[in-house]
N, C-alpha and C. Protein backbone atom coordinates (compact mmCIF):
# COMPACT_ATOMS: atom_id res chain seq x y z
N MET A 1 0.84 -1.20 0.00
CA MET A 1 0.00 0.00 0.00
C MET A 1 0.87 1.26 0.00
N GLU A 2 0.52 2.20 -0.83
CA GLU A 2 1.35 3.39 -0.99
C GLU A 2 1.47 4.19 0.30
N ILE A 3 0.35 4.35 1.01
CA ILE A 3 0.38 5.13 2.26
C ILE A 3 1.27 4.45 3.29
N LEU A 4 1.16 3.12 3.40
CA LEU A 4 1.97 2.37 4.36
C LEU A 4 3.45 2.49 4.03
N TYR A 5 3.76 2.46 2.74
CA TYR A 5 5.15 2.58 2.30
C TYR A 5 5.70 3.96 2.67
N ILE A 6 4.90 4.99 2.48
CA ILE A 6 5.31 6.35 2.83
C ILE A 6 5.52 6.47 4.34
N LEU A 7 4.60 5.88 5.12
CA LEU A 7 4.75 5.91 6.58
C LEU A 7 6.01 5.17 7.02
N ASP A 8 6.32 4.08 6.33
CA ASP A 8 7.52 3.31 6.64
C ASP A 8 8.78 4.15 6.38
N LEU A 9 8.79 4.85 5.26
CA LEU A 9 9.94 5.70 4.95
C LEU A 9 10.03 6.87 5.93
N LEU A 10 8.88 7.42 6.30
CA LEU A 10 8.87 8.52 7.26
C LEU A 10 9.40 8.05 8.61
N GLY A 11 8.98 6.87 9.03
CA GLY A 11 9.47 6.31 10.28
C GLY A 11 10.96 6.04 10.24
N THR A 12 11.43 5.52 9.11
CA THR A 12 12.86 5.26 8.95
C THR A 12 13.66 6.55 9.05
N THR A 13 13.14 7.61 8.44
CA THR A 13 13.80 8.92 8.51
C THR A 13 13.88 9.41 9.94
N SER A 14 12.76 9.32 10.66
CA SER A 14 12.73 9.83 12.04
C SER A 14 13.64 9.02 12.95
N PHE A 15 13.68 7.69 12.76
CA PHE A 15 14.55 6.86 13.59
C PHE A 15 16.01 7.19 13.32
N ALA A 16 16.35 7.43 12.04
CA ALA A 16 17.72 7.80 11.70
C ALA A 16 18.09 9.13 12.37
N LEU A 17 17.15 10.07 12.34
CA LEU A 17 17.38 11.37 12.96
C LEU A 17 17.60 11.22 14.46
N VAL A 18 16.75 10.44 15.12
CA VAL A 18 16.87 10.24 16.57
C VAL A 18 18.19 9.56 16.92
N GLY A 19 18.56 8.54 16.15
CA GLY A 19 19.82 7.85 16.41
C GLY A 19 21.03 8.73 16.21
N ALA A 20 21.01 9.50 15.13
CA ALA A 20 22.12 10.41 14.86
C ALA A 20 22.21 11.50 15.92
N TYR A 21 21.06 12.00 16.35
CA TYR A 21 21.06 13.05 17.37
C TYR A 21 21.60 12.52 18.69
N ALA A 22 21.29 11.27 19.02
CA ALA A 22 21.84 10.67 20.25
C ALA A 22 23.36 10.64 20.18
N ALA A 23 23.90 10.31 19.00
CA ALA A 23 25.35 10.28 18.83
C ALA A 23 25.95 11.69 18.93
N ILE A 24 25.25 12.67 18.38
CA ILE A 24 25.73 14.05 18.46
C ILE A 24 25.77 14.52 19.91
N ARG A 25 24.76 14.19 20.68
CA ARG A 25 24.74 14.57 22.10
C ARG A 25 25.89 13.93 22.87
N HIS A 26 26.35 12.79 22.39
CA HIS A 26 27.49 12.13 23.03
C HIS A 26 28.82 12.58 22.42
N LYS A 27 28.75 13.56 21.50
CA LYS A 27 29.93 14.15 20.89
C LYS A 27 30.72 13.15 20.06
N TYR A 28 30.01 12.25 19.37
CA TYR A 28 30.66 11.30 18.48
C TYR A 28 31.08 12.02 17.19
N ASP A 29 32.05 11.42 16.49
CA ASP A 29 32.45 11.98 15.20
C ASP A 29 31.46 11.53 14.12
N ILE A 30 31.71 11.92 12.88
CA ILE A 30 30.75 11.68 11.80
C ILE A 30 30.51 10.19 11.57
N ILE A 31 31.54 9.37 11.75
CA ILE A 31 31.37 7.92 11.57
C ILE A 31 30.42 7.37 12.63
N GLY A 32 30.64 7.79 13.86
CA GLY A 32 29.77 7.35 14.95
C GLY A 32 28.33 7.80 14.75
N ILE A 33 28.18 9.03 14.24
CA ILE A 33 26.83 9.56 13.99
C ILE A 33 26.12 8.74 12.91
N ILE A 34 26.84 8.43 11.85
CA ILE A 34 26.25 7.65 10.76
C ILE A 34 25.86 6.25 11.23
N ILE A 35 26.74 5.62 11.97
CA ILE A 35 26.47 4.26 12.45
C ILE A 35 25.27 4.24 13.38
N CYS A 36 25.21 5.19 14.31
CA CYS A 36 24.08 5.24 15.25
C CYS A 36 22.77 5.53 14.52
N GLY A 37 22.82 6.41 13.54
CA GLY A 37 21.62 6.70 12.75
C GLY A 37 21.16 5.49 11.97
N PHE A 38 22.11 4.78 11.36
CA PHE A 38 21.77 3.60 10.57
C PHE A 38 21.23 2.49 11.45
N LEU A 39 21.87 2.23 12.58
CA LEU A 39 21.42 1.17 13.48
C LEU A 39 20.00 1.42 13.97
N THR A 40 19.73 2.66 14.37
CA THR A 40 18.41 2.99 14.89
C THR A 40 17.33 2.85 13.82
N ALA A 41 17.65 3.26 12.61
CA ALA A 41 16.67 3.29 11.52
C ALA A 41 16.31 1.92 10.99
N VAL A 42 17.32 1.06 10.77
CA VAL A 42 17.04 -0.22 10.11
C VAL A 42 17.51 -1.42 10.91
N GLY A 43 17.96 -1.20 12.12
CA GLY A 43 18.44 -2.31 12.94
C GLY A 43 17.37 -3.33 13.25
N GLY A 44 16.17 -2.84 13.59
CA GLY A 44 15.08 -3.76 13.93
C GLY A 44 14.68 -4.64 12.77
N SER A 45 14.52 -4.04 11.59
CA SER A 45 14.13 -4.82 10.41
C SER A 45 15.25 -5.77 10.00
N THR A 46 16.50 -5.37 10.26
CA THR A 46 17.63 -6.25 9.94
C THR A 46 17.63 -7.48 10.84
N ILE A 47 17.40 -7.29 12.12
CA ILE A 47 17.31 -8.43 13.04
C ILE A 47 16.19 -9.38 12.60
N ARG A 48 15.04 -8.80 12.27
CA ARG A 48 13.92 -9.62 11.82
C ARG A 48 14.28 -10.41 10.57
N SER A 49 14.93 -9.76 9.62
CA SER A 49 15.29 -10.43 8.37
C SER A 49 16.30 -11.56 8.62
N LEU A 50 17.24 -11.32 9.51
CA LEU A 50 18.23 -12.36 9.83
C LEU A 50 17.56 -13.56 10.48
N LEU A 51 16.63 -13.30 11.39
CA LEU A 51 15.92 -14.40 12.07
C LEU A 51 15.08 -15.20 11.09
N LEU A 52 14.53 -14.53 10.08
CA LEU A 52 13.67 -15.19 9.09
C LEU A 52 14.45 -15.63 7.85
N VAL A 53 15.78 -15.46 7.89
CA VAL A 53 16.67 -15.82 6.77
C VAL A 53 16.18 -15.14 5.49
N GLU A 54 16.03 -13.83 5.58
CA GLU A 54 15.60 -13.02 4.45
C GLU A 54 16.64 -11.95 4.15
N GLN A 55 16.57 -11.41 2.95
CA GLN A 55 17.41 -10.27 2.58
C GLN A 55 16.77 -9.00 3.12
N PRO A 56 17.51 -8.19 3.88
CA PRO A 56 16.95 -6.92 4.38
C PRO A 56 16.41 -6.07 3.23
N VAL A 57 15.31 -5.39 3.48
CA VAL A 57 14.60 -4.66 2.42
C VAL A 57 15.46 -3.59 1.78
N TYR A 58 16.38 -2.98 2.54
CA TYR A 58 17.18 -1.90 1.97
C TYR A 58 18.25 -2.42 1.01
N PHE A 59 18.42 -3.75 0.91
CA PHE A 59 19.33 -4.31 -0.09
C PHE A 59 18.75 -4.16 -1.49
N SER A 60 17.44 -4.18 -1.60
CA SER A 60 16.80 -4.12 -2.90
C SER A 60 16.05 -2.81 -3.16
N ASP A 61 15.80 -2.05 -2.10
CA ASP A 61 15.09 -0.78 -2.24
C ASP A 61 15.96 0.33 -1.66
N SER A 62 16.62 1.06 -2.53
CA SER A 62 17.56 2.09 -2.08
C SER A 62 16.88 3.29 -1.43
N SER A 63 15.55 3.37 -1.53
CA SER A 63 14.84 4.48 -0.90
C SER A 63 15.07 4.49 0.61
N TYR A 64 15.21 3.31 1.19
CA TYR A 64 15.42 3.24 2.64
C TYR A 64 16.78 3.82 3.04
N LEU A 65 17.80 3.51 2.28
CA LEU A 65 19.12 4.07 2.57
C LEU A 65 19.11 5.58 2.32
N ALA A 66 18.36 6.01 1.32
CA ALA A 66 18.28 7.44 1.01
C ALA A 66 17.66 8.21 2.16
N VAL A 67 16.57 7.68 2.73
CA VAL A 67 15.93 8.42 3.82
C VAL A 67 16.74 8.32 5.12
N VAL A 68 17.54 7.27 5.26
CA VAL A 68 18.45 7.20 6.41
C VAL A 68 19.45 8.35 6.31
N VAL A 69 19.99 8.56 5.11
CA VAL A 69 20.92 9.66 4.89
C VAL A 69 20.24 10.99 5.18
N VAL A 70 19.01 11.14 4.74
CA VAL A 70 18.26 12.38 4.99
C VAL A 70 18.08 12.60 6.49
N GLY A 71 17.70 11.56 7.22
CA GLY A 71 17.51 11.69 8.66
C GLY A 71 18.78 12.08 9.38
N ILE A 72 19.88 11.45 9.00
CA ILE A 72 21.17 11.78 9.62
C ILE A 72 21.58 13.21 9.28
N ALA A 73 21.39 13.61 8.03
CA ALA A 73 21.72 14.97 7.61
C ALA A 73 20.90 16.01 8.38
N LEU A 74 19.61 15.73 8.57
CA LEU A 74 18.75 16.65 9.32
C LEU A 74 19.24 16.80 10.76
N ALA A 75 19.66 15.69 11.36
CA ALA A 75 20.17 15.74 12.73
C ALA A 75 21.43 16.59 12.82
N ILE A 76 22.30 16.45 11.84
CA ILE A 76 23.56 17.20 11.83
C ILE A 76 23.32 18.69 11.63
N VAL A 77 22.43 19.01 10.70
CA VAL A 77 22.19 20.42 10.36
C VAL A 77 21.38 21.14 11.44
N PHE A 78 20.40 20.44 12.01
CA PHE A 78 19.46 21.11 12.92
C PHE A 78 19.57 20.65 14.37
N PHE A 79 20.68 20.04 14.75
CA PHE A 79 20.76 19.47 16.10
C PHE A 79 20.57 20.51 17.20
N ARG A 80 20.94 21.77 16.93
CA ARG A 80 20.76 22.82 17.94
C ARG A 80 19.29 23.15 18.17
N TYR A 81 18.46 22.87 17.17
CA TYR A 81 17.05 23.24 17.25
C TYR A 81 16.14 22.07 17.63
N LEU A 82 16.68 20.85 17.62
CA LEU A 82 15.85 19.68 17.86
C LEU A 82 15.18 19.66 19.23
N PRO A 83 15.84 20.14 20.30
CA PRO A 83 15.14 20.17 21.58
C PRO A 83 13.86 21.00 21.54
N LYS A 84 13.83 22.06 20.71
CA LYS A 84 12.63 22.90 20.61
C LYS A 84 11.55 22.23 19.75
N LEU A 85 11.96 21.25 18.95
CA LEU A 85 11.02 20.54 18.08
C LEU A 85 10.71 19.15 18.61
N GLN A 86 10.91 18.96 19.90
CA GLN A 86 10.78 17.63 20.48
C GLN A 86 9.39 17.03 20.27
N SER A 87 8.35 17.84 20.39
CA SER A 87 7.00 17.32 20.23
C SER A 87 6.77 16.79 18.81
N VAL A 88 7.31 17.50 17.82
CA VAL A 88 7.17 17.06 16.42
C VAL A 88 7.92 15.75 16.21
N VAL A 89 9.14 15.68 16.74
CA VAL A 89 9.95 14.48 16.60
C VAL A 89 9.27 13.29 17.27
N LEU A 90 8.66 13.51 18.43
CA LEU A 90 7.97 12.43 19.14
C LEU A 90 6.78 11.90 18.35
N ILE A 91 6.05 12.80 17.69
CA ILE A 91 4.91 12.36 16.89
C ILE A 91 5.38 11.51 15.71
N ILE A 92 6.40 11.99 15.01
CA ILE A 92 6.94 11.24 13.87
C ILE A 92 7.52 9.91 14.35
N ASP A 93 8.18 9.94 15.51
CA ASP A 93 8.75 8.73 16.08
C ASP A 93 7.65 7.71 16.39
N ALA A 94 6.51 8.19 16.91
CA ALA A 94 5.39 7.31 17.22
C ALA A 94 4.82 6.69 15.95
N ILE A 95 4.78 7.46 14.87
CA ILE A 95 4.32 6.93 13.58
C ILE A 95 5.26 5.83 13.11
N GLY A 96 6.56 6.06 13.25
CA GLY A 96 7.54 5.05 12.86
C GLY A 96 7.42 3.79 13.70
N LEU A 97 7.27 3.96 15.00
CA LEU A 97 7.12 2.82 15.90
C LEU A 97 5.93 1.96 15.50
N ALA A 98 4.78 2.59 15.26
CA ALA A 98 3.56 1.86 14.92
C ALA A 98 3.68 1.17 13.56
N THR A 99 4.24 1.88 12.60
CA THR A 99 4.38 1.31 11.25
C THR A 99 5.35 0.14 11.26
N PHE A 100 6.47 0.29 11.93
CA PHE A 100 7.45 -0.79 12.01
C PHE A 100 6.84 -2.01 12.69
N ALA A 101 6.09 -1.78 13.77
CA ALA A 101 5.46 -2.89 14.49
C ALA A 101 4.48 -3.64 13.59
N TYR A 102 3.69 -2.89 12.84
CA TYR A 102 2.73 -3.52 11.93
C TYR A 102 3.45 -4.36 10.88
N ILE A 103 4.49 -3.80 10.27
CA ILE A 103 5.21 -4.54 9.23
C ILE A 103 5.84 -5.80 9.81
N GLY A 104 6.39 -5.69 11.03
CA GLY A 104 6.96 -6.87 11.68
C GLY A 104 5.93 -7.95 11.90
N ALA A 105 4.73 -7.57 12.35
CA ALA A 105 3.66 -8.53 12.58
C ALA A 105 3.19 -9.14 11.25
N GLN A 106 3.06 -8.30 10.24
CA GLN A 106 2.59 -8.78 8.93
C GLN A 106 3.56 -9.80 8.34
N VAL A 107 4.84 -9.50 8.38
CA VAL A 107 5.85 -10.42 7.83
C VAL A 107 5.84 -11.73 8.61
N ALA A 108 5.71 -11.65 9.93
CA ALA A 108 5.69 -12.85 10.76
C ALA A 108 4.50 -13.75 10.41
N VAL A 109 3.34 -13.14 10.20
CA VAL A 109 2.15 -13.91 9.81
C VAL A 109 2.35 -14.55 8.45
N GLN A 110 2.95 -13.82 7.53
CA GLN A 110 3.20 -14.36 6.19
C GLN A 110 4.13 -15.57 6.23
N HIS A 111 4.98 -15.62 7.25
CA HIS A 111 5.90 -16.75 7.41
C HIS A 111 5.29 -17.88 8.25
N GLY A 112 4.05 -17.70 8.65
CA GLY A 112 3.37 -18.75 9.39
C GLY A 112 3.86 -18.93 10.82
N LEU A 113 4.36 -17.88 11.43
CA LEU A 113 4.87 -17.99 12.79
C LEU A 113 3.73 -18.08 13.80
N SER A 114 4.05 -18.55 14.97
CA SER A 114 3.05 -18.70 16.04
C SER A 114 2.61 -17.33 16.55
N THR A 115 1.54 -17.33 17.32
CA THR A 115 1.01 -16.08 17.85
C THR A 115 2.05 -15.31 18.65
N ILE A 116 2.72 -15.98 19.56
CA ILE A 116 3.70 -15.29 20.40
C ILE A 116 4.85 -14.74 19.58
N MET A 117 5.26 -15.47 18.51
CA MET A 117 6.35 -14.99 17.68
C MET A 117 5.93 -13.81 16.81
N VAL A 118 4.67 -13.76 16.44
CA VAL A 118 4.17 -12.59 15.71
C VAL A 118 4.29 -11.34 16.59
N VAL A 119 3.89 -11.49 17.84
CA VAL A 119 3.97 -10.37 18.78
C VAL A 119 5.42 -9.96 19.00
N ILE A 120 6.29 -10.94 19.15
CA ILE A 120 7.71 -10.65 19.38
C ILE A 120 8.33 -9.98 18.15
N MET A 121 7.98 -10.45 16.96
CA MET A 121 8.53 -9.85 15.74
C MET A 121 8.06 -8.41 15.57
N ALA A 122 6.83 -8.13 15.98
CA ALA A 122 6.34 -6.75 15.93
C ALA A 122 7.22 -5.86 16.80
N ALA A 123 7.53 -6.33 18.01
CA ALA A 123 8.34 -5.54 18.93
C ALA A 123 9.78 -5.42 18.46
N ILE A 124 10.35 -6.52 17.97
CA ILE A 124 11.73 -6.50 17.49
C ILE A 124 11.90 -5.49 16.36
N THR A 125 10.98 -5.51 15.42
CA THR A 125 11.07 -4.60 14.28
C THR A 125 10.97 -3.15 14.73
N ALA A 126 10.12 -2.90 15.74
CA ALA A 126 9.89 -1.53 16.20
C ALA A 126 11.01 -0.99 17.07
N VAL A 127 11.55 -1.81 17.96
CA VAL A 127 12.50 -1.29 18.95
C VAL A 127 13.90 -1.89 18.85
N GLY A 128 14.08 -2.85 17.94
CA GLY A 128 15.38 -3.50 17.83
C GLY A 128 16.50 -2.56 17.45
N GLY A 129 16.20 -1.57 16.60
CA GLY A 129 17.22 -0.62 16.18
C GLY A 129 17.73 0.22 17.33
N GLY A 130 16.80 0.70 18.16
CA GLY A 130 17.20 1.47 19.33
C GLY A 130 18.01 0.65 20.31
N LEU A 131 17.66 -0.63 20.42
CA LEU A 131 18.41 -1.53 21.29
C LEU A 131 19.84 -1.70 20.81
N LEU A 132 20.01 -1.91 19.51
CA LEU A 132 21.35 -2.04 18.95
C LEU A 132 22.15 -0.76 19.13
N ARG A 133 21.50 0.38 18.94
CA ARG A 133 22.19 1.66 19.11
C ARG A 133 22.68 1.82 20.55
N ASP A 134 21.83 1.51 21.51
CA ASP A 134 22.22 1.65 22.91
C ASP A 134 23.37 0.72 23.26
N ILE A 135 23.34 -0.50 22.72
CA ILE A 135 24.43 -1.44 22.96
C ILE A 135 25.73 -0.92 22.36
N ALA A 136 25.65 -0.39 21.14
CA ALA A 136 26.83 0.16 20.47
C ALA A 136 27.40 1.34 21.25
N MET A 137 26.50 2.12 21.89
CA MET A 137 26.94 3.29 22.64
C MET A 137 27.28 2.95 24.09
N ARG A 138 27.22 1.66 24.41
CA ARG A 138 27.53 1.16 25.75
C ARG A 138 26.65 1.83 26.81
N GLU A 139 25.37 1.95 26.47
CA GLU A 139 24.39 2.51 27.38
C GLU A 139 23.38 1.44 27.79
N LYS A 140 22.74 1.66 28.93
CA LYS A 140 21.66 0.78 29.33
C LYS A 140 20.52 0.94 28.32
N PRO A 141 20.07 -0.16 27.68
CA PRO A 141 18.99 -0.04 26.68
C PRO A 141 17.77 0.67 27.25
N GLN A 142 17.28 1.67 26.53
CA GLN A 142 16.17 2.48 27.02
C GLN A 142 14.89 1.67 27.20
N ILE A 143 14.72 0.62 26.38
CA ILE A 143 13.48 -0.16 26.50
C ILE A 143 13.45 -0.95 27.82
N PHE A 144 14.58 -1.03 28.53
CA PHE A 144 14.60 -1.73 29.81
C PHE A 144 14.05 -0.89 30.96
N TYR A 145 14.04 0.43 30.78
CA TYR A 145 13.68 1.26 31.93
C TYR A 145 12.92 2.54 31.59
N LYS A 146 12.97 2.99 30.33
CA LYS A 146 12.47 4.32 30.01
C LYS A 146 11.12 4.28 29.32
N ASP A 147 10.13 4.81 29.96
CA ASP A 147 8.76 5.02 29.49
C ASP A 147 8.12 3.82 28.79
N PHE A 148 7.02 4.08 28.13
CA PHE A 148 6.11 3.08 27.58
C PHE A 148 6.37 2.96 26.10
N TYR A 149 7.44 2.24 25.71
CA TYR A 149 7.87 2.26 24.31
C TYR A 149 7.64 0.93 23.59
N ALA A 150 8.16 -0.15 24.14
CA ALA A 150 7.99 -1.45 23.49
C ALA A 150 6.57 -1.97 23.63
N THR A 151 5.89 -1.61 24.70
CA THR A 151 4.55 -2.14 24.97
C THR A 151 3.53 -1.85 23.87
N PRO A 152 3.46 -0.63 23.32
CA PRO A 152 2.52 -0.40 22.21
C PRO A 152 2.77 -1.31 21.01
N ALA A 153 4.04 -1.60 20.73
CA ALA A 153 4.37 -2.49 19.62
C ALA A 153 3.89 -3.91 19.92
N LEU A 154 4.06 -4.35 21.15
CA LEU A 154 3.57 -5.67 21.55
C LEU A 154 2.05 -5.76 21.43
N LEU A 155 1.38 -4.69 21.85
CA LEU A 155 -0.09 -4.67 21.77
C LEU A 155 -0.57 -4.73 20.32
N LEU A 156 0.11 -3.99 19.44
CA LEU A 156 -0.27 -4.02 18.03
C LEU A 156 -0.12 -5.44 17.48
N GLY A 157 1.00 -6.07 17.78
CA GLY A 157 1.22 -7.43 17.30
C GLY A 157 0.15 -8.38 17.79
N LEU A 158 -0.25 -8.24 19.05
CA LEU A 158 -1.28 -9.11 19.62
C LEU A 158 -2.63 -8.89 18.95
N VAL A 159 -3.02 -7.64 18.80
CA VAL A 159 -4.31 -7.34 18.16
C VAL A 159 -4.32 -7.83 16.72
N TYR A 160 -3.21 -7.63 16.02
CA TYR A 160 -3.12 -8.05 14.62
C TYR A 160 -3.31 -9.56 14.47
N VAL A 161 -2.65 -10.33 15.31
CA VAL A 161 -2.69 -11.78 15.15
C VAL A 161 -4.00 -12.38 15.65
N LEU A 162 -4.72 -11.67 16.50
CA LEU A 162 -5.97 -12.19 17.05
C LEU A 162 -7.15 -12.04 16.09
N PHE A 163 -6.97 -11.26 15.02
CA PHE A 163 -8.06 -11.03 14.08
C PHE A 163 -7.60 -11.36 12.65
N PRO A 164 -7.35 -12.63 12.37
CA PRO A 164 -6.82 -13.02 11.05
C PRO A 164 -7.75 -12.66 9.89
N GLU A 165 -9.05 -12.64 10.14
CA GLU A 165 -9.99 -12.35 9.07
C GLU A 165 -9.97 -10.88 8.67
N LEU A 166 -9.36 -10.03 9.47
CA LEU A 166 -9.32 -8.60 9.19
C LEU A 166 -7.95 -8.11 8.71
N GLN A 167 -6.98 -8.99 8.65
CA GLN A 167 -5.60 -8.58 8.43
C GLN A 167 -5.33 -7.91 7.08
N THR A 168 -6.21 -8.12 6.12
CA THR A 168 -6.01 -7.47 4.81
C THR A 168 -6.94 -6.27 4.61
N ALA A 169 -7.73 -5.95 5.61
CA ALA A 169 -8.67 -4.83 5.49
C ALA A 169 -7.95 -3.51 5.81
N PRO A 170 -7.93 -2.57 4.87
CA PRO A 170 -7.25 -1.29 5.10
C PRO A 170 -7.73 -0.57 6.37
N VAL A 171 -9.03 -0.62 6.63
CA VAL A 171 -9.56 0.05 7.82
C VAL A 171 -8.94 -0.53 9.08
N PHE A 172 -8.81 -1.85 9.12
CA PHE A 172 -8.20 -2.51 10.28
C PHE A 172 -6.72 -2.16 10.39
N ILE A 173 -6.03 -2.22 9.26
CA ILE A 173 -4.59 -1.95 9.26
C ILE A 173 -4.29 -0.54 9.78
N TYR A 174 -4.94 0.45 9.19
CA TYR A 174 -4.66 1.82 9.61
C TYR A 174 -5.27 2.11 10.99
N GLY A 175 -6.30 1.34 11.33
CA GLY A 175 -6.89 1.49 12.66
C GLY A 175 -5.93 1.07 13.76
N ILE A 176 -5.27 -0.09 13.60
CA ILE A 176 -4.36 -0.53 14.66
C ILE A 176 -3.08 0.31 14.67
N ILE A 177 -2.68 0.80 13.49
CA ILE A 177 -1.52 1.71 13.47
C ILE A 177 -1.88 3.00 14.20
N GLY A 178 -3.06 3.55 13.90
CA GLY A 178 -3.50 4.76 14.59
C GLY A 178 -3.66 4.54 16.08
N MET A 179 -4.20 3.38 16.46
CA MET A 179 -4.36 3.05 17.88
C MET A 179 -3.00 3.03 18.59
N THR A 180 -2.02 2.45 17.93
CA THR A 180 -0.68 2.36 18.53
C THR A 180 -0.05 3.74 18.69
N ILE A 181 -0.24 4.59 17.70
CA ILE A 181 0.27 5.97 17.78
C ILE A 181 -0.37 6.69 18.97
N ILE A 182 -1.67 6.55 19.11
CA ILE A 182 -2.39 7.21 20.21
C ILE A 182 -1.92 6.68 21.56
N VAL A 183 -1.75 5.36 21.66
CA VAL A 183 -1.28 4.76 22.92
C VAL A 183 0.09 5.29 23.28
N ARG A 184 0.99 5.34 22.29
CA ARG A 184 2.34 5.82 22.54
C ARG A 184 2.35 7.29 22.98
N LEU A 185 1.63 8.14 22.26
CA LEU A 185 1.61 9.57 22.59
C LEU A 185 0.89 9.83 23.91
N SER A 186 -0.15 9.06 24.21
CA SER A 186 -0.86 9.21 25.48
C SER A 186 0.05 8.81 26.64
N ALA A 187 0.85 7.77 26.43
CA ALA A 187 1.79 7.34 27.47
C ALA A 187 2.81 8.43 27.77
N ILE A 188 3.25 9.13 26.71
CA ILE A 188 4.18 10.24 26.92
C ILE A 188 3.49 11.38 27.65
N ARG A 189 2.28 11.70 27.20
CA ARG A 189 1.53 12.82 27.78
C ARG A 189 1.25 12.62 29.26
N TYR A 190 0.91 11.41 29.65
CA TYR A 190 0.53 11.15 31.03
C TYR A 190 1.60 10.38 31.82
N ALA A 191 2.80 10.33 31.27
CA ALA A 191 3.95 9.72 31.95
C ALA A 191 3.65 8.30 32.42
N VAL A 192 3.06 7.51 31.52
CA VAL A 192 2.75 6.12 31.86
C VAL A 192 4.03 5.29 31.78
N GLU A 193 4.23 4.42 32.75
CA GLU A 193 5.40 3.55 32.77
C GLU A 193 4.97 2.10 32.89
N VAL A 194 5.83 1.20 32.45
CA VAL A 194 5.58 -0.23 32.60
C VAL A 194 5.76 -0.59 34.07
N TRP A 195 4.94 -1.52 34.54
CA TRP A 195 4.99 -1.92 35.95
C TRP A 195 6.37 -2.44 36.35
N ARG A 196 6.79 -2.08 37.52
CA ARG A 196 8.05 -2.55 38.08
C ARG A 196 7.77 -3.11 39.48
N PRO A 197 8.41 -4.20 39.85
CA PRO A 197 8.11 -4.84 41.14
C PRO A 197 8.22 -3.92 42.34
N TRP A 198 9.19 -3.00 42.33
CA TRP A 198 9.41 -2.17 43.51
C TRP A 198 8.50 -0.94 43.59
N THR A 199 7.62 -0.76 42.60
CA THR A 199 6.71 0.38 42.66
C THR A 199 5.54 0.14 43.61
N THR A 200 5.33 -1.12 44.01
CA THR A 200 4.20 -1.44 44.89
C THR A 200 4.63 -1.68 46.33
N GLY A 201 5.87 -1.48 46.59
CA GLY A 201 6.33 -1.70 47.97
C GLY A 201 7.82 -1.50 48.06
N ARG A 202 8.36 -1.71 49.22
CA ARG A 202 9.78 -1.52 49.44
C ARG A 202 10.57 -2.65 48.79
N LEU A 203 11.61 -2.27 48.04
CA LEU A 203 12.44 -3.26 47.37
C LEU A 203 13.49 -3.79 48.33
N SER A 204 13.55 -5.10 48.46
CA SER A 204 14.56 -5.71 49.31
C SER A 204 15.11 -6.95 48.62
N LEU A 205 16.41 -7.02 48.52
CA LEU A 205 17.06 -8.16 47.89
C LEU A 205 17.76 -9.05 48.92
N ASN A 206 17.48 -8.80 50.20
CA ASN A 206 18.11 -9.58 51.26
C ASN A 206 17.39 -10.91 51.49
């Protein structure tokens, strides 16, 4: 679908921008910036492709590499202004998260994977790039502790696989993508966090 393809490219651009900006904040050189931007943008889809023994999509469609370059370039040129545009970046990032999760779930279903693996592939595609970036930067992966990020992708994967008769219906497809975007942005707006054992009482490891 043309709209889905455009959303995928937009998400790839935003992920590249976010990854490159993270490297700039850490004062990395141009090589580090490019690597972090690339990992964030296509790392998740690459992990999925490797697990499914497939050729990554950017091997055959150069548009993905082109928008990665655009995202990295935008981060380099406008990095001083990005903190003021945080709300815009978060919205585009949420679109990318939802689109990536949907594509991950769709590909998993096409390969005949089990329900749980469809859900996992949705999450891997959506957040795997950020995970690789954090590992490369020797940082604690953000999905382990920071806000409500992987959960919307997991929810999309679950909803998608539970309604097989609707999986080809455009209304359903864009509905679950829109739902995921709303869940992600609402979580940011209201500071929703994933449950942690020590939030309900005193933590003791003795």
